[in-house]
C-alpha atoms as a PDB file:
ATOM      1  CA  UNK A   1     -90.100 -86.179  22.482  1.00  0.00           C
ATOM      2  CA  UNK A   2     -93.174 -86.871  24.622  1.00  0.00           C
ATOM      3  CA  UNK A   3     -95.337 -85.124  22.018  1.00  0.00           C
ATOM      4  CA  UNK A   4     -93.585 -86.737  19.076  1.00  0.00           C
ATOM      5  CA  UNK A   5     -93.243 -84.644  15.946  1.00  0.00           C
ATOM      6  CA  UNK A   6     -94.779 -81.234  16.657  1.00  0.00           C
ATOM      7  CA  UNK A   7     -95.835 -78.167  14.668  1.00  0.00           C
ATOM      8  CA  UNK A   8     -96.033 -74.906  16.625  1.00  0.00           C
ATOM      9  CA  UNK A   9     -97.777 -71.806  15.321  1.00  0.00           C
ATOM     10  CA  UNK A  10     -97.060 -68.472  17.011  1.00  0.00           C
ATOM     11  CA  UNK A  11     -98.749 -65.093  16.799  1.00  0.00           C
ATOM     12  CA  UNK A  12     -98.211 -62.327  19.337  1.00  0.00           C
ATOM     13  CA  UNK A  13     -98.642 -63.926  22.792  1.00  0.00           C
ATOM     14  CA  UNK A  14    -100.356 -67.099  21.507  1.00  0.00           C
ATOM     15  CA  UNK A  15     -98.729 -70.449  20.684  1.00  0.00           C
ATOM     16  CA  UNK A  16    -100.670 -73.358  19.220  1.00  0.00           C
ATOM     17  CA  UNK A  17     -99.046 -76.786  19.177  1.00  0.00           C
ATOM     18  CA  UNK A  18    -100.073 -79.847  17.187  1.00  0.00           C
ATOM     19  CA  UNK A  19     -98.327 -82.928  18.619  1.00  0.00           C
ATOM     20  CA  UNK A  20     -97.838 -86.410  17.137  1.00  0.00           C
ATOM     21  CA  UNK A  21     -97.983 -85.131  13.552  1.00  0.00           C
ATOM     22  CA  UNK A  22     -96.392 -86.758  10.533  1.00  0.00           C
ATOM     23  CA  UNK A  23     -92.664 -86.076  10.163  1.00  0.00           C
ATOM     24  CA  UNK A  24     -93.425 -85.107   6.542  1.00  0.00           C
ATOM     25  CA  UNK A  25     -94.227 -81.505   7.435  1.00  0.00           C
ATOM     26  CA  UNK A  26     -96.183 -79.419   4.932  1.00  0.00           C
ATOM     27  CA  UNK A  27     -95.132 -76.098   6.482  1.00  0.00           C
ATOM     28  CA  UNK A  28     -91.645 -75.005   7.403  1.00  0.00           C
ATOM     29  CA  UNK A  29     -90.249 -72.537   9.885  1.00  0.00           C
ATOM     30  CA  UNK A  30     -91.329 -68.921   9.256  1.00  0.00           C
ATOM     31  CA  UNK A  31     -94.079 -69.864   6.765  1.00  0.00           C
ATOM     32  CA  UNK A  32     -97.168 -67.697   7.020  1.00  0.00           C
ATOM     33  CA  UNK A  33    -100.307 -69.799   7.417  1.00  0.00           C
ATOM     34  CA  UNK A  34    -103.948 -68.882   6.947  1.00  0.00           C
ATOM     35  CA  UNK A  35    -107.202 -70.264   8.290  1.00  0.00           C
ATOM     36  CA  UNK A  36    -108.195 -73.465   6.504  1.00  0.00           C
ATOM     37  CA  UNK A  37    -104.673 -74.237   5.279  1.00  0.00           C
ATOM     38  CA  UNK A  38    -103.407 -77.793   5.676  1.00  0.00           C
ATOM     39  CA  UNK A  39    -100.214 -77.563   7.736  1.00  0.00           C
ATOM     40  CA  UNK A  40     -99.646 -81.259   8.417  1.00  0.00           C
ATOM     41  CA  UNK A  41    -101.227 -84.642   8.947  1.00  0.00           C
ATOM     42  CA  UNK A  42    -101.708 -86.879  11.954  1.00  0.00           C
ATOM     43  CA  UNK A  43     -98.531 -88.863  12.193  1.00  0.00           C
ATOM     44  CA  UNK A  44     -97.900 -92.559  12.053  1.00  0.00           C
ATOM     45  CA  UNK A  45     -97.664 -94.593  15.224  1.00  0.00           C
ATOM     46  CA  UNK A  46     -94.137 -95.690  14.393  1.00  0.00           C
ATOM     47  CA  UNK A  47     -91.239 -93.465  13.378  1.00  0.00           C
ATOM     48  CA  UNK A  48     -87.677 -94.507  12.678  1.00  0.00           C
ATOM     49  CA  UNK A  49     -84.320 -92.758  12.685  1.00  0.00           C
ATOM     50  CA  UNK A  50     -85.096 -90.301  15.503  1.00  0.00           C
ATOM     51  CA  UNK A  51     -81.962 -89.923  17.592  1.00  0.00           C
ATOM     52  CA  UNK A  52     -82.702 -90.187  21.310  1.00  0.00           C
ATOM     53  CA  UNK A  53     -86.265 -91.479  20.916  1.00  0.00           C
ATOM     54  CA  UNK A  54     -86.997 -93.377  24.118  1.00  0.00           C
ATOM     55  CA  UNK A  55     -90.528 -94.491  23.236  1.00  0.00           C
ATOM     56  CA  UNK A  56     -91.319 -97.958  21.852  1.00  0.00           C
ATOM     57  CA  UNK A  57     -94.478 -99.982  21.307  1.00  0.00           C
ATOM     58  CA  UNK A  58     -95.228-103.485  22.550  1.00  0.00           C
ATOM     59  CA  UNK A  59     -93.317-104.950  19.587  1.00  0.00           C
ATOM     60  CA  UNK A  60     -90.177-102.891  20.220  1.00  0.00           C
ATOM     61  CA  UNK A  61     -90.795-100.453  17.334  1.00  0.00           C
ATOM     62  CA  UNK A  62     -90.072 -96.753  17.972  1.00  0.00           C
ATOM     63  CA  UNK A  63     -93.207 -94.612  18.354  1.00  0.00           C
ATOM     64  CA  UNK A  64     -94.072 -90.992  17.527  1.00  0.00           C
ATOM     65  CA  UNK A  65     -93.632 -89.865  21.127  1.00  0.00           C
ATOM     66  CA  UNK A  66     -95.451 -91.328  24.118  1.00  0.00           C
ATOM     67  CA  UNK A  67     -98.304 -92.880  22.145  1.00  0.00           C
ATOM     68  CA  UNK A  68    -100.017 -96.172  21.414  1.00  0.00           C
ATOM     69  CA  UNK A  69    -101.440 -95.103  18.043  1.00  0.00           C
ATOM     70  CA  UNK A  70    -101.999 -92.238  15.617  1.00  0.00           C
ATOM     71  CA  UNK A  71    -103.760 -89.272  17.189  1.00  0.00           C
ATOM     72  CA  UNK A  72    -103.372 -85.509  17.603  1.00  0.00           C
ATOM     73  CA  UNK A  73    -102.843 -83.361  20.686  1.00  0.00           C
ATOM     74  CA  UNK A  74    -103.831 -79.706  20.376  1.00  0.00           C
ATOM     75  CA  UNK A  75    -102.330 -77.293  22.871  1.00  0.00           C
ATOM     76  CA  UNK A  76    -103.054 -73.570  23.104  1.00  0.00           C
ATOM     77  CA  UNK A  77    -100.961 -71.265  25.278  1.00  0.00           C
ATOM     78  CA  UNK A  78    -101.634 -67.594  25.975  1.00  0.00           C
ATOM     79  CA  UNK A  79     -98.794 -65.747  27.682  1.00  0.00           C
ATOM     80  CA  UNK A  80     -97.175 -69.145  28.283  1.00  0.00           C
ATOM     81  CA  UNK A  81    -100.188 -70.641  30.082  1.00  0.00           C
ATOM     82  CA  UNK A  82    -102.269 -73.448  28.609  1.00  0.00           C
ATOM     83  CA  UNK A  83    -105.943 -72.676  28.070  1.00  0.00           C
ATOM     84  CA  UNK A  84    -108.907 -74.836  27.063  1.00  0.00           C
ATOM     85  CA  UNK A  85    -108.916 -74.698  23.228  1.00  0.00           C
ATOM     86  CA  UNK A  86    -112.718 -75.053  23.212  1.00  0.00           C
ATOM     87  CA  UNK A  87    -112.993 -71.518  24.578  1.00  0.00           C
ATOM     88  CA  UNK A  88    -111.800 -70.279  21.176  1.00  0.00           C
ATOM     89  CA  UNK A  89    -114.614 -71.938  19.219  1.00  0.00           C
END
């Protein structure tokens, strides 16, 4: 759970991952998404009830993966290899 709650979008040989999102997903598996659609929100720092979560903050509260606060990681893979997402914009 290094990336915390994650949404992964797949099309052909491309996978896009959004890590550390809110556990209150807006999309579900096999939904079709379109450009501009809201698929989720940046998650909270702390999440509870996740079996096997090994990450905790300085106060002993479980975190949304290996994180010190709310943020988003964007990963883009082509043919299984990560690329710089900025090359797509």
